[in-house]
mmCIF file of all heavy atoms, coordinates in Angstrom:
data_MODEL
# 
_entry.id   MODEL 
# 
loop_
_atom_site.group_PDB 
_atom_site.id 
_atom_site.type_symbol 
_atom_site.label_atom_id 
_atom_site.label_alt_id 
_atom_site.label_comp_id 
_atom_site.label_asym_id 
_atom_site.label_entity_id 
_atom_site.label_seq_id 
_atom_site.pdbx_PDB_ins_code 
_atom_site.Cartn_x 
_atom_site.Cartn_y 
_atom_site.Cartn_z 
_atom_site.occupancy 
_atom_site.B_iso_or_equiv 
_atom_site.pdbx_formal_charge 
_atom_site.auth_seq_id 
_atom_site.auth_comp_id 
_atom_site.auth_asym_id 
_atom_site.auth_atom_id 
_atom_site.pdbx_PDB_model_num 
ATOM 1   N N   . SER A 1 1  ? 0.813  -1.229  0.008  1.00 0.00 ? 1  SER A N   1 
ATOM 2   C CA  . SER A 1 1  ? -0.002 -0.001  0.006  1.00 0.00 ? 1  SER A CA  1 
ATOM 3   C C   . SER A 1 1  ? 0.867  1.268   0.003  1.00 0.00 ? 1  SER A C   1 
ATOM 4   O O   . SER A 1 1  ? 0.601  2.242   -0.711 1.00 0.00 ? 1  SER A O   1 
ATOM 5   C CB  . SER A 1 1  ? -0.913 -0.025  1.231  1.00 0.00 ? 1  SER A CB  1 
ATOM 6   O OG  . SER A 1 1  ? -1.779 1.103   1.232  1.00 0.00 ? 1  SER A OG  1 
ATOM 7   N N   . LEU A 1 2  ? 1.925  1.261   0.781  1.00 0.00 ? 2  LEU A N   1 
ATOM 8   C CA  . LEU A 1 2  ? 2.843  2.412   0.815  1.00 0.00 ? 2  LEU A CA  1 
ATOM 9   C C   . LEU A 1 2  ? 3.545  2.587   -0.520 1.00 0.00 ? 2  LEU A C   1 
ATOM 10  O O   . LEU A 1 2  ? 3.758  3.715   -0.990 1.00 0.00 ? 2  LEU A O   1 
ATOM 11  C CB  . LEU A 1 2  ? 3.905  2.205   1.901  1.00 0.00 ? 2  LEU A CB  1 
ATOM 12  C CG  . LEU A 1 2  ? 3.415  2.310   3.351  1.00 0.00 ? 2  LEU A CG  1 
ATOM 13  C CD1 . LEU A 1 2  ? 4.440  1.746   4.301  1.00 0.00 ? 2  LEU A CD1 1 
ATOM 14  C CD2 . LEU A 1 2  ? 3.066  3.745   3.698  1.00 0.00 ? 2  LEU A CD2 1 
ATOM 15  N N   . ARG A 1 3  ? 3.840  1.487   -1.169 1.00 0.00 ? 3  ARG A N   1 
ATOM 16  C CA  . ARG A 1 3  ? 4.534  1.531   -2.478 1.00 0.00 ? 3  ARG A CA  1 
ATOM 17  C C   . ARG A 1 3  ? 3.592  1.971   -3.611 1.00 0.00 ? 3  ARG A C   1 
ATOM 18  O O   . ARG A 1 3  ? 3.932  2.827   -4.411 1.00 0.00 ? 3  ARG A O   1 
ATOM 19  C CB  . ARG A 1 3  ? 5.098  0.145   -2.782 1.00 0.00 ? 3  ARG A CB  1 
ATOM 20  C CG  . ARG A 1 3  ? 5.843  0.013   -4.106 1.00 0.00 ? 3  ARG A CG  1 
ATOM 21  C CD  . ARG A 1 3  ? 6.096  -1.446  -4.439 1.00 0.00 ? 3  ARG A CD  1 
ATOM 22  N NE  . ARG A 1 3  ? 4.841  -2.163  -4.617 1.00 0.00 ? 3  ARG A NE  1 
ATOM 23  C CZ  . ARG A 1 3  ? 4.634  -3.434  -4.282 1.00 0.00 ? 3  ARG A CZ  1 
ATOM 24  N NH1 . ARG A 1 3  ? 5.600  -4.134  -3.729 1.00 0.00 ? 3  ARG A NH1 1 
ATOM 25  N NH2 . ARG A 1 3  ? 3.437  -4.003  -4.480 1.00 0.00 ? 3  ARG A NH2 1 
ATOM 26  N N   . ASP A 1 4  ? 2.400  1.396   -3.648 1.00 0.00 ? 4  ASP A N   1 
ATOM 27  C CA  . ASP A 1 4  ? 1.525  1.591   -4.789 1.00 0.00 ? 4  ASP A CA  1 
ATOM 28  C C   . ASP A 1 4  ? 0.519  2.709   -4.620 1.00 0.00 ? 4  ASP A C   1 
ATOM 29  O O   . ASP A 1 4  ? 0.275  3.476   -5.563 1.00 0.00 ? 4  ASP A O   1 
ATOM 30  C CB  . ASP A 1 4  ? 0.768  0.266   -5.085 1.00 0.00 ? 4  ASP A CB  1 
ATOM 31  C CG  . ASP A 1 4  ? 1.725  -0.869  -5.398 1.00 0.00 ? 4  ASP A CG  1 
ATOM 32  O OD1 . ASP A 1 4  ? 2.858  -0.618  -5.855 1.00 0.00 ? 4  ASP A OD1 1 
ATOM 33  O OD2 . ASP A 1 4  ? 1.316  -2.034  -5.153 1.00 0.00 ? 4  ASP A OD2 1 
ATOM 34  N N   . ASP A 1 5  ? -0.091 2.794   -3.429 1.00 0.00 ? 5  ASP A N   1 
ATOM 35  C CA  . ASP A 1 5  ? -1.118 3.824   -3.223 1.00 0.00 ? 5  ASP A CA  1 
ATOM 36  C C   . ASP A 1 5  ? -0.540 5.114   -2.671 1.00 0.00 ? 5  ASP A C   1 
ATOM 37  O O   . ASP A 1 5  ? -0.923 6.217   -3.083 1.00 0.00 ? 5  ASP A O   1 
ATOM 38  C CB  . ASP A 1 5  ? -2.199 3.325   -2.254 1.00 0.00 ? 5  ASP A CB  1 
ATOM 39  C CG  . ASP A 1 5  ? -3.219 2.439   -2.930 1.00 0.00 ? 5  ASP A CG  1 
ATOM 40  O OD1 . ASP A 1 5  ? -3.227 2.397   -4.163 1.00 0.00 ? 5  ASP A OD1 1 
ATOM 41  O OD2 . ASP A 1 5  ? -4.051 1.827   -2.223 1.00 0.00 ? 5  ASP A OD2 1 
ATOM 42  N N   . PHE A 1 6  ? 0.430  4.993   -1.743 1.00 0.00 ? 6  PHE A N   1 
ATOM 43  C CA  . PHE A 1 6  ? 0.985  6.231   -1.137 1.00 0.00 ? 6  PHE A CA  1 
ATOM 44  C C   . PHE A 1 6  ? 2.262  6.670   -1.848 1.00 0.00 ? 6  PHE A C   1 
ATOM 45  O O   . PHE A 1 6  ? 2.684  7.831   -1.696 1.00 0.00 ? 6  PHE A O   1 
ATOM 46  C CB  . PHE A 1 6  ? 1.215  6.057   0.380  1.00 0.00 ? 6  PHE A CB  1 
ATOM 47  C CG  . PHE A 1 6  ? 0.764  7.209   1.178  1.00 0.00 ? 6  PHE A CG  1 
ATOM 48  C CD1 . PHE A 1 6  ? -0.565 7.570   1.230  1.00 0.00 ? 6  PHE A CD1 1 
ATOM 49  C CD2 . PHE A 1 6  ? 1.660  7.938   1.924  1.00 0.00 ? 6  PHE A CD2 1 
ATOM 50  C CE1 . PHE A 1 6  ? -0.989 8.647   1.999  1.00 0.00 ? 6  PHE A CE1 1 
ATOM 51  C CE2 . PHE A 1 6  ? 1.271  9.030   2.719  1.00 0.00 ? 6  PHE A CE2 1 
ATOM 52  C CZ  . PHE A 1 6  ? -0.077 9.366   2.728  1.00 0.00 ? 6  PHE A CZ  1 
ATOM 53  N N   . GLU A 1 7  ? 2.883  5.793   -2.570 1.00 0.00 ? 7  GLU A N   1 
ATOM 54  C CA  . GLU A 1 7  ? 4.068  6.108   -3.390 1.00 0.00 ? 7  GLU A CA  1 
ATOM 55  C C   . GLU A 1 7  ? 5.179  6.781   -2.590 1.00 0.00 ? 7  GLU A C   1 
ATOM 56  O O   . GLU A 1 7  ? 5.663  7.841   -2.960 1.00 0.00 ? 7  GLU A O   1 
ATOM 57  C CB  . GLU A 1 7  ? 3.657  6.933   -4.590 1.00 0.00 ? 7  GLU A CB  1 
ATOM 58  C CG  . GLU A 1 7  ? 2.684  6.231   -5.544 1.00 0.00 ? 7  GLU A CG  1 
ATOM 59  C CD  . GLU A 1 7  ? 2.329  7.057   -6.767 1.00 0.00 ? 7  GLU A CD  1 
ATOM 60  O OE1 . GLU A 1 7  ? 1.632  8.075   -6.597 1.00 0.00 ? 7  GLU A OE1 1 
ATOM 61  O OE2 . GLU A 1 7  ? 2.778  6.685   -7.857 1.00 0.00 ? 7  GLU A OE2 1 
ATOM 62  N N   . ILE A 1 8  ? 5.592  6.114   -1.516 1.00 0.00 ? 8  ILE A N   1 
ATOM 63  C CA  . ILE A 1 8  ? 6.697  6.693   -0.737 1.00 0.00 ? 8  ILE A CA  1 
ATOM 64  C C   . ILE A 1 8  ? 7.925  5.726   -0.670 1.00 0.00 ? 8  ILE A C   1 
ATOM 65  O O   . ILE A 1 8  ? 8.864  6.011   0.061  1.00 0.00 ? 8  ILE A O   1 
ATOM 66  C CB  . ILE A 1 8  ? 6.273  7.046   0.712  1.00 0.00 ? 8  ILE A CB  1 
ATOM 67  C CG1 . ILE A 1 8  ? 5.886  5.744   1.481  1.00 0.00 ? 8  ILE A CG1 1 
ATOM 68  C CG2 . ILE A 1 8  ? 5.165  8.072   0.718  1.00 0.00 ? 8  ILE A CG2 1 
ATOM 69  C CD1 . ILE A 1 8  ? 5.863  5.954   2.959  1.00 0.00 ? 8  ILE A CD1 1 
ATOM 70  N N   . SER A 1 9  ? 7.844  4.650   -1.402 1.00 0.00 ? 9  SER A N   1 
ATOM 71  C CA  . SER A 1 9  ? 8.990  3.731   -1.420 1.00 0.00 ? 9  SER A CA  1 
ATOM 72  C C   . SER A 1 9  ? 9.946  4.155   -2.553 1.00 0.00 ? 9  SER A C   1 
ATOM 73  O O   . SER A 1 9  ? 9.737  5.160   -3.244 1.00 0.00 ? 9  SER A O   1 
ATOM 74  C CB  . SER A 1 9  ? 8.526  2.287   -1.614 1.00 0.00 ? 9  SER A CB  1 
ATOM 75  O OG  . SER A 1 9  ? 9.610  1.391   -1.340 1.00 0.00 ? 9  SER A OG  1 
ATOM 76  N N   . CYS A 1 10 ? 11.008 3.381   -2.720 1.00 0.00 ? 10 CYS A N   1 
ATOM 77  C CA  . CYS A 1 10 ? 11.985 3.655   -3.798 1.00 0.00 ? 10 CYS A CA  1 
ATOM 78  C C   . CYS A 1 10 ? 12.617 2.331   -4.150 1.00 0.00 ? 10 CYS A C   1 
ATOM 79  O O   . CYS A 1 10 ? 12.461 1.327   -3.421 1.00 0.00 ? 10 CYS A O   1 
ATOM 80  C CB  . CYS A 1 10 ? 13.035 4.671   -3.363 1.00 0.00 ? 10 CYS A CB  1 
ATOM 81  S SG  . CYS A 1 10 ? 14.004 4.215   -1.934 1.00 0.00 ? 10 CYS A SG  1 
ATOM 82  N N   . THR A 1 11 ? 13.326 2.270   -5.262 1.00 0.00 ? 11 THR A N   1 
ATOM 83  C CA  . THR A 1 11 ? 13.845 0.997   -5.778 1.00 0.00 ? 11 THR A CA  1 
ATOM 84  C C   . THR A 1 11 ? 14.743 0.274   -4.775 1.00 0.00 ? 11 THR A C   1 
ATOM 85  O O   . THR A 1 11 ? 14.571 -0.956  -4.571 1.00 0.00 ? 11 THR A O   1 
ATOM 86  C CB  . THR A 1 11 ? 14.552 1.204   -7.109 1.00 0.00 ? 11 THR A CB  1 
ATOM 87  O OG1 . THR A 1 11 ? 13.637 1.739   -8.063 1.00 0.00 ? 11 THR A OG1 1 
ATOM 88  C CG2 . THR A 1 11 ? 15.148 -0.084  -7.630 1.00 0.00 ? 11 THR A CG2 1 
ATOM 89  N N   . PRO A 1 12 ? 15.724 0.919   -4.138 1.00 0.00 ? 12 PRO A N   1 
ATOM 90  C CA  . PRO A 1 12 ? 16.558 0.165   -3.166 1.00 0.00 ? 12 PRO A CA  1 
ATOM 91  C C   . PRO A 1 12 ? 15.721 -0.427  -2.028 1.00 0.00 ? 12 PRO A C   1 
ATOM 92  O O   . PRO A 1 12 ? 15.981 -1.550  -1.598 1.00 0.00 ? 12 PRO A O   1 
ATOM 93  C CB  . PRO A 1 12 ? 17.555 1.223   -2.664 1.00 0.00 ? 12 PRO A CB  1 
ATOM 94  C CG  . PRO A 1 12 ? 17.602 2.219   -3.748 1.00 0.00 ? 12 PRO A CG  1 
ATOM 95  C CD  . PRO A 1 12 ? 16.229 2.300   -4.305 1.00 0.00 ? 12 PRO A CD  1 
ATOM 96  N N   . VAL A 1 13 ? 14.741 0.311   -1.547 1.00 0.00 ? 13 VAL A N   1 
ATOM 97  C CA  . VAL A 1 13 ? 13.892 -0.193  -0.465 1.00 0.00 ? 13 VAL A CA  1 
ATOM 98  C C   . VAL A 1 13 ? 13.119 -1.421  -0.964 1.00 0.00 ? 13 VAL A C   1 
ATOM 99  O O   . VAL A 1 13 ? 12.983 -2.430  -0.278 1.00 0.00 ? 13 VAL A O   1 
ATOM 100 C CB  . VAL A 1 13 ? 12.983 0.902   0.080  1.00 0.00 ? 13 VAL A CB  1 
ATOM 101 C CG1 . VAL A 1 13 ? 11.888 0.303   0.950  1.00 0.00 ? 13 VAL A CG1 1 
ATOM 102 C CG2 . VAL A 1 13 ? 13.801 1.927   0.878  1.00 0.00 ? 13 VAL A CG2 1 
ATOM 103 N N   . ASP A 1 14 ? 12.540 -1.279  -2.135 1.00 0.00 ? 14 ASP A N   1 
ATOM 104 C CA  . ASP A 1 14 ? 11.757 -2.416  -2.702 1.00 0.00 ? 14 ASP A CA  1 
ATOM 105 C C   . ASP A 1 14 ? 12.654 -3.654  -2.912 1.00 0.00 ? 14 ASP A C   1 
ATOM 106 O O   . ASP A 1 14 ? 12.256 -4.781  -2.628 1.00 0.00 ? 14 ASP A O   1 
ATOM 107 C CB  . ASP A 1 14 ? 11.100 -1.994  -4.022 1.00 0.00 ? 14 ASP A CB  1 
ATOM 108 C CG  . ASP A 1 14 ? 10.005 -0.992  -3.855 1.00 0.00 ? 14 ASP A CG  1 
ATOM 109 O OD1 . ASP A 1 14 ? 9.444  -0.884  -2.735 1.00 0.00 ? 14 ASP A OD1 1 
ATOM 110 O OD2 . ASP A 1 14 ? 9.705  -0.266  -4.832 1.00 0.00 ? 14 ASP A OD2 1 
ATOM 111 N N   . ASP A 1 15 ? 13.863 -3.431  -3.366 1.00 0.00 ? 15 ASP A N   1 
ATOM 112 C CA  . ASP A 1 15 ? 14.816 -4.528  -3.532 1.00 0.00 ? 15 ASP A CA  1 
ATOM 113 C C   . ASP A 1 15 ? 15.106 -5.194  -2.204 1.00 0.00 ? 15 ASP A C   1 
ATOM 114 O O   . ASP A 1 15 ? 15.187 -6.439  -2.092 1.00 0.00 ? 15 ASP A O   1 
ATOM 115 C CB  . ASP A 1 15 ? 16.114 -4.046  -4.153 1.00 0.00 ? 15 ASP A CB  1 
ATOM 116 C CG  . ASP A 1 15 ? 15.970 -3.645  -5.602 1.00 0.00 ? 15 ASP A CG  1 
ATOM 117 O OD1 . ASP A 1 15 ? 14.985 -4.036  -6.257 1.00 0.00 ? 15 ASP A OD1 1 
ATOM 118 O OD2 . ASP A 1 15 ? 16.874 -2.927  -6.105 1.00 0.00 ? 15 ASP A OD2 1 
ATOM 119 N N   . LEU A 1 16 ? 15.292 -4.379  -1.164 1.00 0.00 ? 16 LEU A N   1 
ATOM 120 C CA  . LEU A 1 16 ? 15.567 -4.907  0.165  1.00 0.00 ? 16 LEU A CA  1 
ATOM 121 C C   . LEU A 1 16 ? 14.425 -5.715  0.696  1.00 0.00 ? 16 LEU A C   1 
ATOM 122 O O   . LEU A 1 16 ? 14.578 -6.775  1.301  1.00 0.00 ? 16 LEU A O   1 
ATOM 123 C CB  . LEU A 1 16 ? 15.938 -3.757  1.110  1.00 0.00 ? 16 LEU A CB  1 
ATOM 124 C CG  . LEU A 1 16 ? 16.253 -4.077  2.561  1.00 0.00 ? 16 LEU A CG  1 
ATOM 125 C CD1 . LEU A 1 16 ? 17.299 -5.169  2.671  1.00 0.00 ? 16 LEU A CD1 1 
ATOM 126 C CD2 . LEU A 1 16 ? 16.685 -2.814  3.288  1.00 0.00 ? 16 LEU A CD2 1 
ATOM 127 N N   . VAL A 1 17 ? 13.190 -5.248  0.476  1.00 0.00 ? 17 VAL A N   1 
ATOM 128 C CA  . VAL A 1 17 ? 12.003 -5.962  0.876  1.00 0.00 ? 17 VAL A CA  1 
ATOM 129 C C   . VAL A 1 17 ? 11.884 -7.317  0.198  1.00 0.00 ? 17 VAL A C   1 
ATOM 130 O O   . VAL A 1 17 ? 11.592 -8.364  0.823  1.00 0.00 ? 17 VAL A O   1 
ATOM 131 C CB  . VAL A 1 17 ? 10.730 -5.116  0.639  1.00 0.00 ? 17 VAL A CB  1 
ATOM 132 C CG1 . VAL A 1 17 ? 9.463  -5.968  0.775  1.00 0.00 ? 17 VAL A CG1 1 
ATOM 133 C CG2 . VAL A 1 17 ? 10.663 -3.948  1.599  1.00 0.00 ? 17 VAL A CG2 1 
ATOM 134 N N   . VAL A 1 18 ? 12.198 -7.356  -1.117 1.00 0.00 ? 18 VAL A N   1 
ATOM 135 C CA  . VAL A 1 18 ? 12.178 -8.611  -1.860 1.00 0.00 ? 18 VAL A CA  1 
ATOM 136 C C   . VAL A 1 18 ? 13.183 -9.592  -1.279 1.00 0.00 ? 18 VAL A C   1 
ATOM 137 O O   . VAL A 1 18 ? 12.892 -10.774 -1.100 1.00 0.00 ? 18 VAL A O   1 
ATOM 138 C CB  . VAL A 1 18 ? 12.413 -8.341  -3.374 1.00 0.00 ? 18 VAL A CB  1 
ATOM 139 C CG1 . VAL A 1 18 ? 12.680 -9.659  -4.103 1.00 0.00 ? 18 VAL A CG1 1 
ATOM 140 C CG2 . VAL A 1 18 ? 11.260 -7.611  -3.967 1.00 0.00 ? 18 VAL A CG2 1 
ATOM 141 N N   . ILE A 1 19 ? 14.368 -9.124  -1.011 1.00 0.00 ? 19 ILE A N   1 
ATOM 142 C CA  . ILE A 1 19 ? 15.426 -9.974  -0.433 1.00 0.00 ? 19 ILE A CA  1 
ATOM 143 C C   . ILE A 1 19 ? 14.965 -10.509 0.923  1.00 0.00 ? 19 ILE A C   1 
ATOM 144 O O   . ILE A 1 19 ? 15.104 -11.720 1.219  1.00 0.00 ? 19 ILE A O   1 
ATOM 145 C CB  . ILE A 1 19 ? 16.764 -9.212  -0.304 1.00 0.00 ? 19 ILE A CB  1 
ATOM 146 C CG1 . ILE A 1 19 ? 17.356 -8.955  -1.674 1.00 0.00 ? 19 ILE A CG1 1 
ATOM 147 C CG2 . ILE A 1 19 ? 17.734 -9.959  0.588  1.00 0.00 ? 19 ILE A CG2 1 
ATOM 148 C CD1 . ILE A 1 19 ? 18.539 -8.020  -1.656 1.00 0.00 ? 19 ILE A CD1 1 
ATOM 149 N N   . ALA A 1 20 ? 14.435 -9.626  1.760  1.00 0.00 ? 20 ALA A N   1 
ATOM 150 C CA  . ALA A 1 20 ? 13.974 -10.057 3.093  1.00 0.00 ? 20 ALA A CA  1 
ATOM 151 C C   . ALA A 1 20 ? 12.887 -11.132 2.995  1.00 0.00 ? 20 ALA A C   1 
ATOM 152 O O   . ALA A 1 20 ? 12.941 -12.144 3.700  1.00 0.00 ? 20 ALA A O   1 
ATOM 153 C CB  . ALA A 1 20 ? 13.469 -8.868  3.881  1.00 0.00 ? 20 ALA A CB  1 
ATOM 154 N N   . ASN A 1 21 ? 11.949 -10.892 2.070  1.00 0.00 ? 21 ASN A N   1 
ATOM 155 C CA  . ASN A 1 21 ? 10.837 -11.867 1.964  1.00 0.00 ? 21 ASN A CA  1 
ATOM 156 C C   . ASN A 1 21 ? 11.282 -13.185 1.356  1.00 0.00 ? 21 ASN A C   1 
ATOM 157 O O   . ASN A 1 21 ? 10.547 -14.180 1.462  1.00 0.00 ? 21 ASN A O   1 
ATOM 158 C CB  . ASN A 1 21 ? 9.707  -11.254 1.131  1.00 0.00 ? 21 ASN A CB  1 
ATOM 159 C CG  . ASN A 1 21 ? 8.876  -10.265 1.919  1.00 0.00 ? 21 ASN A CG  1 
ATOM 160 O OD1 . ASN A 1 21 ? 8.678  -10.455 3.119  1.00 0.00 ? 21 ASN A OD1 1 
ATOM 161 N ND2 . ASN A 1 21 ? 8.402  -9.209  1.270  1.00 0.00 ? 21 ASN A ND2 1 
ATOM 162 N N   . SER A 1 22 ? 12.435 -13.238 0.713  1.00 0.00 ? 22 SER A N   1 
ATOM 163 C CA  . SER A 1 22 ? 12.934 -14.474 0.115  1.00 0.00 ? 22 SER A CA  1 
ATOM 164 C C   . SER A 1 22 ? 13.615 -15.363 1.140  1.00 0.00 ? 22 SER A C   1 
ATOM 165 O O   . SER A 1 22 ? 13.934 -16.525 0.804  1.00 0.00 ? 22 SER A O   1 
ATOM 166 C CB  . SER A 1 22 ? 13.882 -14.171 -1.025 1.00 0.00 ? 22 SER A CB  1 
ATOM 167 O OG  . SER A 1 22 ? 15.113 -13.666 -0.542 1.00 0.00 ? 22 SER A OG  1 
ATOM 168 N N   . CYS A 1 23 ? 13.821 -14.859 2.332  1.00 0.00 ? 23 CYS A N   1 
ATOM 169 C CA  . CYS A 1 23 ? 14.584 -15.625 3.357  1.00 0.00 ? 23 CYS A CA  1 
ATOM 170 C C   . CYS A 1 23 ? 13.649 -16.586 4.080  1.00 0.00 ? 23 CYS A C   1 
ATOM 171 O O   . CYS A 1 23 ? 12.534 -16.219 4.492  1.00 0.00 ? 23 CYS A O   1 
ATOM 172 C CB  . CYS A 1 23 ? 15.190 -14.668 4.383  1.00 0.00 ? 23 CYS A CB  1 
ATOM 173 S SG  . CYS A 1 23 ? 16.411 -13.525 3.702  1.00 0.00 ? 23 CYS A SG  1 
ATOM 174 N N   . ASP A 1 24 ? 14.101 -17.799 4.283  1.00 0.00 ? 24 ASP A N   1 
ATOM 175 C CA  . ASP A 1 24 ? 13.383 -18.744 5.123  1.00 0.00 ? 24 ASP A CA  1 
ATOM 176 C C   . ASP A 1 24 ? 13.280 -18.166 6.546  1.00 0.00 ? 24 ASP A C   1 
ATOM 177 O O   . ASP A 1 24 ? 14.279 -17.749 7.113  1.00 0.00 ? 24 ASP A O   1 
ATOM 178 C CB  . ASP A 1 24 ? 14.080 -20.096 5.150  1.00 0.00 ? 24 ASP A CB  1 
ATOM 179 C CG  . ASP A 1 24 ? 14.008 -20.817 3.835  1.00 0.00 ? 24 ASP A CG  1 
ATOM 180 O OD1 . ASP A 1 24 ? 13.124 -20.519 3.012  1.00 0.00 ? 24 ASP A OD1 1 
ATOM 181 O OD2 . ASP A 1 24 ? 14.898 -21.696 3.600  1.00 0.00 ? 24 ASP A OD2 1 
# 
């Protein structure tokens, strides 16, 4: 929601979120 509706994220943050979510 912050990324798509509020538009306050950025590419490095999104990349970091993807990496975090890929971890067991």
